[in-house]
Protein backbone atom coordinates (compact mmCIF):
# COMPACT_ATOMS: atom_id res chain seq x y z
CA HIS A 1 -71.32 53.89 41.91
CA SER A 2 -68.42 52.97 39.58
CA THR A 3 -67.17 49.39 39.38
CA GLY A 4 -64.01 50.41 37.54
CA PRO A 5 -64.12 52.27 34.23
CA GLY A 6 -64.08 49.89 31.27
CA ILE A 7 -63.03 46.87 33.31
CA MET A 8 -64.71 44.38 30.93
CA HIS A 9 -63.08 46.02 27.92
CA LYS A 10 -59.68 45.84 29.64
CA LEU A 11 -60.18 42.16 30.47
CA GLN A 12 -61.22 41.45 26.90
CA GLN A 13 -58.14 43.20 25.51
CA LYS A 14 -55.94 41.25 27.94
CA LEU A 15 -57.49 38.02 26.66
CA PHE A 16 -56.78 39.07 23.08
CA ASP A 17 -53.16 39.75 24.06
CA TRP A 18 -52.84 36.29 25.57
CA ASN A 19 -54.35 34.47 22.59
CA PHE A 20 -52.34 36.61 20.12
CA LEU A 21 -55.47 38.00 18.44
CA ASN A 22 -54.21 41.59 18.77
CA TRP A 23 -50.85 40.57 17.26
CA TRP A 24 -52.62 38.72 14.44
CA THR A 25 -54.93 41.66 13.73
CA ASP A 26 -52.14 44.26 13.80
CA ASN A 27 -50.01 42.26 11.35
CA HIS A 28 -52.94 41.78 8.98
CA LYS A 29 -53.68 45.52 9.10
CA MET A 30 -50.06 46.37 8.37
CA ALA A 31 -49.98 44.00 5.40
CA THR A 32 -53.28 45.36 4.09
CA ALA A 33 -52.10 48.98 4.31
CA GLN A 34 -48.92 48.07 2.43
CA LEU A 35 -50.95 46.31 -0.26
CA MET A 36 -53.22 49.35 -0.63
CA SER A 37 -50.20 51.65 -0.84
CA THR A 38 -48.63 49.55 -3.59
CA HIS A 39 -51.95 49.26 -5.44
CA MET A 40 -52.29 53.04 -5.53
CA ALA A 41 -48.72 53.45 -6.77
CA ASP A 42 -49.37 50.90 -9.54
CA HIS A 43 -52.00 53.31 -10.87
CA ALA A 44 -49.98 56.50 -10.35
CA HIS A 45 -49.47 56.87 -14.11
CA LEU A 46 -53.22 57.29 -14.68
CA PRO A 47 -55.28 60.49 -14.31
CA PHE A 48 -58.29 60.18 -12.04
CA GLU A 49 -60.74 59.75 -14.93
CA GLN A 50 -58.88 56.64 -16.13
CA LEU A 51 -58.64 54.86 -12.77
CA PRO A 52 -60.48 51.54 -12.37
CA ASP A 53 -64.09 52.22 -11.41
CA GLU A 54 -63.86 50.73 -7.94
CA LEU A 55 -60.63 52.52 -7.02
CA GLY A 56 -61.92 55.85 -8.29
CA ARG A 57 -65.22 55.42 -6.46
CA VAL A 58 -63.56 54.55 -3.16
CA LEU A 59 -61.08 57.44 -3.39
CA SER A 60 -63.92 59.87 -4.08
CA LEU A 61 -65.50 58.84 -0.76
CA TYR A 62 -62.55 60.60 0.88
CA ASN A 63 -62.67 63.66 -1.40
CA ILE A 64 -59.69 62.44 -3.42
CA THR A 65 -60.52 63.38 -7.00
CA GLY A 66 -58.99 65.26 -9.93
CA SER A 67 -56.24 67.62 -8.83
CA GLN A 68 -55.93 65.98 -5.39
CA TRP A 69 -55.18 62.63 -7.03
CA ASP A 70 -52.66 64.33 -9.35
CA ALA A 71 -50.81 65.68 -6.30
CA ILE A 72 -50.92 62.35 -4.46
CA ARG A 73 -49.79 60.23 -7.40
CA SER A 74 -46.79 62.50 -7.99
CA THR A 75 -45.32 61.31 -4.66
CA ALA A 76 -45.08 57.61 -5.58
CA TYR A 77 -41.63 56.32 -4.70
CA THR A 78 -39.65 53.13 -4.06
CA PRO A 79 -38.50 52.84 -0.42
CA GLU A 80 -34.98 51.66 0.29
CA GLY A 81 -34.83 47.88 0.40
CA MET A 82 -38.04 47.42 -1.60
CA THR A 83 -38.67 46.77 -5.28
CA ASP A 84 -42.25 48.05 -5.49
CA ARG A 85 -43.32 51.67 -5.55
CA VAL A 86 -45.67 52.91 -2.84
CA ILE A 87 -47.74 55.98 -1.97
CA THR A 88 -47.67 57.08 1.67
CA PRO A 89 -49.07 60.16 3.45
CA ASP A 90 -45.69 61.25 4.82
CA GLN A 91 -44.47 62.04 1.30
CA LEU A 92 -47.18 64.65 0.72
CA MET A 93 -44.91 67.32 2.20
CA ASP A 94 -42.98 67.11 -1.07
CA VAL A 95 -45.98 68.06 -3.23
CA SER A 96 -45.04 71.12 -5.25
CA GLU A 97 -46.60 74.52 -4.67
CA ALA A 98 -47.92 74.48 -8.25
CA GLN A 99 -49.90 71.30 -7.56
CA ILE A 100 -51.25 72.73 -4.31
CA ASP A 101 -52.31 75.88 -6.20
CA ALA A 102 -54.09 73.68 -8.76
CA ILE A 103 -56.16 72.13 -5.97
CA ILE A 104 -56.89 75.57 -4.55
CA SER A 105 -58.02 76.84 -7.95
CA SER A 106 -60.27 73.80 -8.45
CA LYS A 107 -62.07 74.83 -5.25
CA GLY A 108 -62.50 78.41 -6.47
CA LEU A 109 -60.16 79.83 -3.81
CA SER A 110 -57.31 82.30 -4.11
CA PRO A 111 -53.76 80.85 -3.95
CA ASN A 112 -52.42 82.44 -0.77
CA GLU A 113 -50.24 80.98 1.97
CA ALA A 114 -53.12 80.36 4.38
CA ASN A 115 -54.99 78.32 1.76
CA ARG A 116 -51.83 76.41 0.84
CA ILE A 117 -51.34 75.35 4.46
CA ARG A 118 -55.00 74.34 4.76
CA ILE A 119 -54.99 72.36 1.50
CA ARG A 120 -51.78 70.50 2.41
CA ASP A 121 -53.33 69.51 5.73
CA GLU A 122 -56.58 68.50 4.00
CA LEU A 123 -54.71 66.45 1.42
CA GLU A 124 -52.81 64.49 4.07
CA THR A 125 -55.93 64.05 6.20
CA ASN A 126 -57.91 62.66 3.25
CA LEU A 127 -55.21 60.13 2.36
CA ARG A 128 -54.71 59.03 5.97
CA ALA A 129 -58.49 58.67 6.37
CA TYR A 130 -58.57 56.49 3.24
CA PHE A 131 -55.93 54.11 4.59
CA THR A 132 -57.29 54.00 8.14
CA ASP A 133 -60.92 53.48 7.20
CA ARG A 134 -60.42 50.97 4.39
CA VAL A 135 -58.04 48.90 6.52
CA ASP A 136 -60.82 48.68 9.12
CA TYR A 137 -63.13 47.39 6.37
CA ALA A 138 -60.59 44.88 5.06
CA ILE A 139 -59.84 43.60 8.59
CA PRO A 140 -63.30 44.02 10.17
CA THR A 141 -62.76 46.36 13.11
CA PRO A 142 -65.55 47.84 15.22
CA GLY A 143 -65.85 51.60 15.00
CA ALA A 144 -68.00 54.24 16.65
CA SER A 145 -71.18 52.96 14.98
CA GLU A 146 -70.59 49.40 16.18
CA LYS A 147 -69.64 50.60 19.66
CA LYS A 148 -73.02 52.31 19.89
CA TRP A 149 -74.80 48.97 19.42
CA VAL A 150 -72.42 47.06 21.70
CA THR A 151 -72.75 49.49 24.60
CA LEU A 152 -76.37 50.57 23.95
CA GLY A 153 -75.41 54.06 25.05
CA THR A 154 -74.53 53.04 28.62
CA ARG A 155 -71.57 54.43 30.55
CA ALA A 156 -68.51 52.32 31.29
CA GLY A 157 -67.90 51.73 34.97
CA THR A 158 -71.55 51.81 36.01
CA PRO A 159 -73.36 48.60 37.05
CA LEU A 160 -75.67 48.79 34.01
CA GLY A 161 -72.82 49.68 31.68
CA GLU A 162 -70.64 46.81 32.83
CA ALA A 163 -73.58 44.36 32.68
CA VAL A 164 -74.31 45.37 29.07
CA ARG A 165 -70.63 45.10 28.16
CA THR A 166 -70.43 41.64 29.74
CA LEU A 167 -73.42 40.40 27.73
CA MET A 168 -72.13 41.98 24.51
CA MET A 169 -68.46 41.15 25.10
CA PHE A 170 -67.92 39.03 21.98
CA LYS A 171 -70.74 40.47 19.87
CA SER A 172 -68.82 43.35 18.30
CA PHE A 173 -67.38 41.18 15.50
CA PRO A 174 -70.71 39.85 14.15
CA ILE A 175 -72.18 43.35 14.48
CA THR A 176 -69.21 44.69 12.49
CA ILE A 177 -69.79 42.07 9.79
CA LEU A 178 -73.41 43.17 9.47
CA SER A 179 -72.74 46.91 9.52
CA LYS A 180 -69.56 47.07 7.43
CA ILE A 181 -69.15 43.99 5.27
CA LEU A 182 -72.75 43.46 4.20
CA ASP A 183 -73.21 47.18 3.68
CA ARG A 184 -70.05 47.25 1.57
CA GLU A 185 -71.27 44.42 -0.65
CA ILE A 186 -74.70 46.00 -1.11
CA GLN A 187 -73.78 49.66 -1.49
CA GLY A 188 -70.07 49.52 -2.22
CA ARG A 189 -70.49 49.62 -5.99
CA GLY A 190 -72.74 52.64 -6.12
CA ASN A 191 -76.11 51.04 -5.36
CA GLU A 192 -78.52 53.38 -3.64
CA ASN A 193 -80.82 50.72 -2.20
CA MET A 194 -81.39 46.98 -1.83
CA ALA A 195 -83.66 46.78 -4.88
CA GLN A 196 -81.05 48.35 -7.16
CA TRP A 197 -78.44 45.94 -5.83
CA ALA A 198 -80.69 42.91 -6.39
CA LEU A 199 -81.63 43.92 -9.95
CA ASN A 200 -78.35 45.23 -11.32
CA ASP A 201 -75.31 44.35 -9.24
CA HIS A 202 -74.55 40.79 -10.34
CA ARG A 203 -70.97 40.93 -9.08
CA GLY A 204 -72.21 42.16 -5.71
CA LYS A 205 -74.62 39.22 -5.45
CA PHE A 206 -71.81 36.81 -6.38
CA ASN A 207 -69.52 38.31 -3.71
CA PHE A 208 -72.32 38.12 -1.16
CA ALA A 209 -73.04 34.47 -1.99
CA THR A 210 -69.33 33.63 -1.81
CA MET A 211 -69.06 35.25 1.61
CA VAL A 212 -72.12 33.40 2.93
CA ALA A 213 -70.79 30.09 1.59
CA GLY A 214 -67.41 30.76 3.16
CA THR A 215 -68.89 31.50 6.58
CA ILE A 216 -71.01 28.34 6.41
CA VAL A 217 -67.97 26.20 5.59
CA ALA A 218 -65.89 27.91 8.29
CA GLY A 219 -68.67 27.37 10.85
CA TYR A 220 -68.98 23.71 9.90
CA MET A 221 -65.21 23.18 10.14
CA SER A 222 -65.14 24.94 13.51
CA GLN A 223 -67.90 22.71 14.87
CA MET A 224 -66.22 19.59 13.46
CA ILE A 225 -62.93 20.50 15.19
CA ARG A 226 -64.77 21.03 18.48
CA ASP A 227 -66.48 17.64 18.18
CA THR A 228 -63.17 15.97 17.34
CA LEU A 229 -61.45 17.54 20.36
CA ARG A 230 -64.27 16.35 22.61
């Protein structure tokens, strides 16, 4: 029998509305997306091969390489009321037919209207996926993978499903840290396994140590504030 589909999730979201966590998160995501957009535009003068290693590697995760990057970087512009240039997905409609044909040719396809429509849609999808996914990494946000661990495959609205969701109500954030942030620091610079990261990625180890130190300090400060309030 159903006890109300997703009732614990709804209560949790209502709590986050009341304590302004949703507002805080949304504003951080908006600022992060704007920063990413400006960062891309700052490199719009460079061909893909000359991009900084980390930017090029991340873009390639979303199939943005070579001719696709050439098309995207050509749309950099300065919005009214701003001083910095940005790159945004809505401007991809202005990509020239010649640039679309270059992408088509790089894929070994014939430049016909059907392929042009498909490539334009693919180009916009890839750029939107880049912004959406990397924002969720920058502001740790649970995704489908984390939801699987939080719900353990149970159905919302069932007694078992609601019991699991009650027990795991505030566990999605630490699970997200483990699955996204630690994975990013270990494999985010091209490492294929833990051993390669430990032996070669000195910057990754420094970032990891900094993050651990920061969480320890934050935890200590949080406990000290609680003790002081008591």
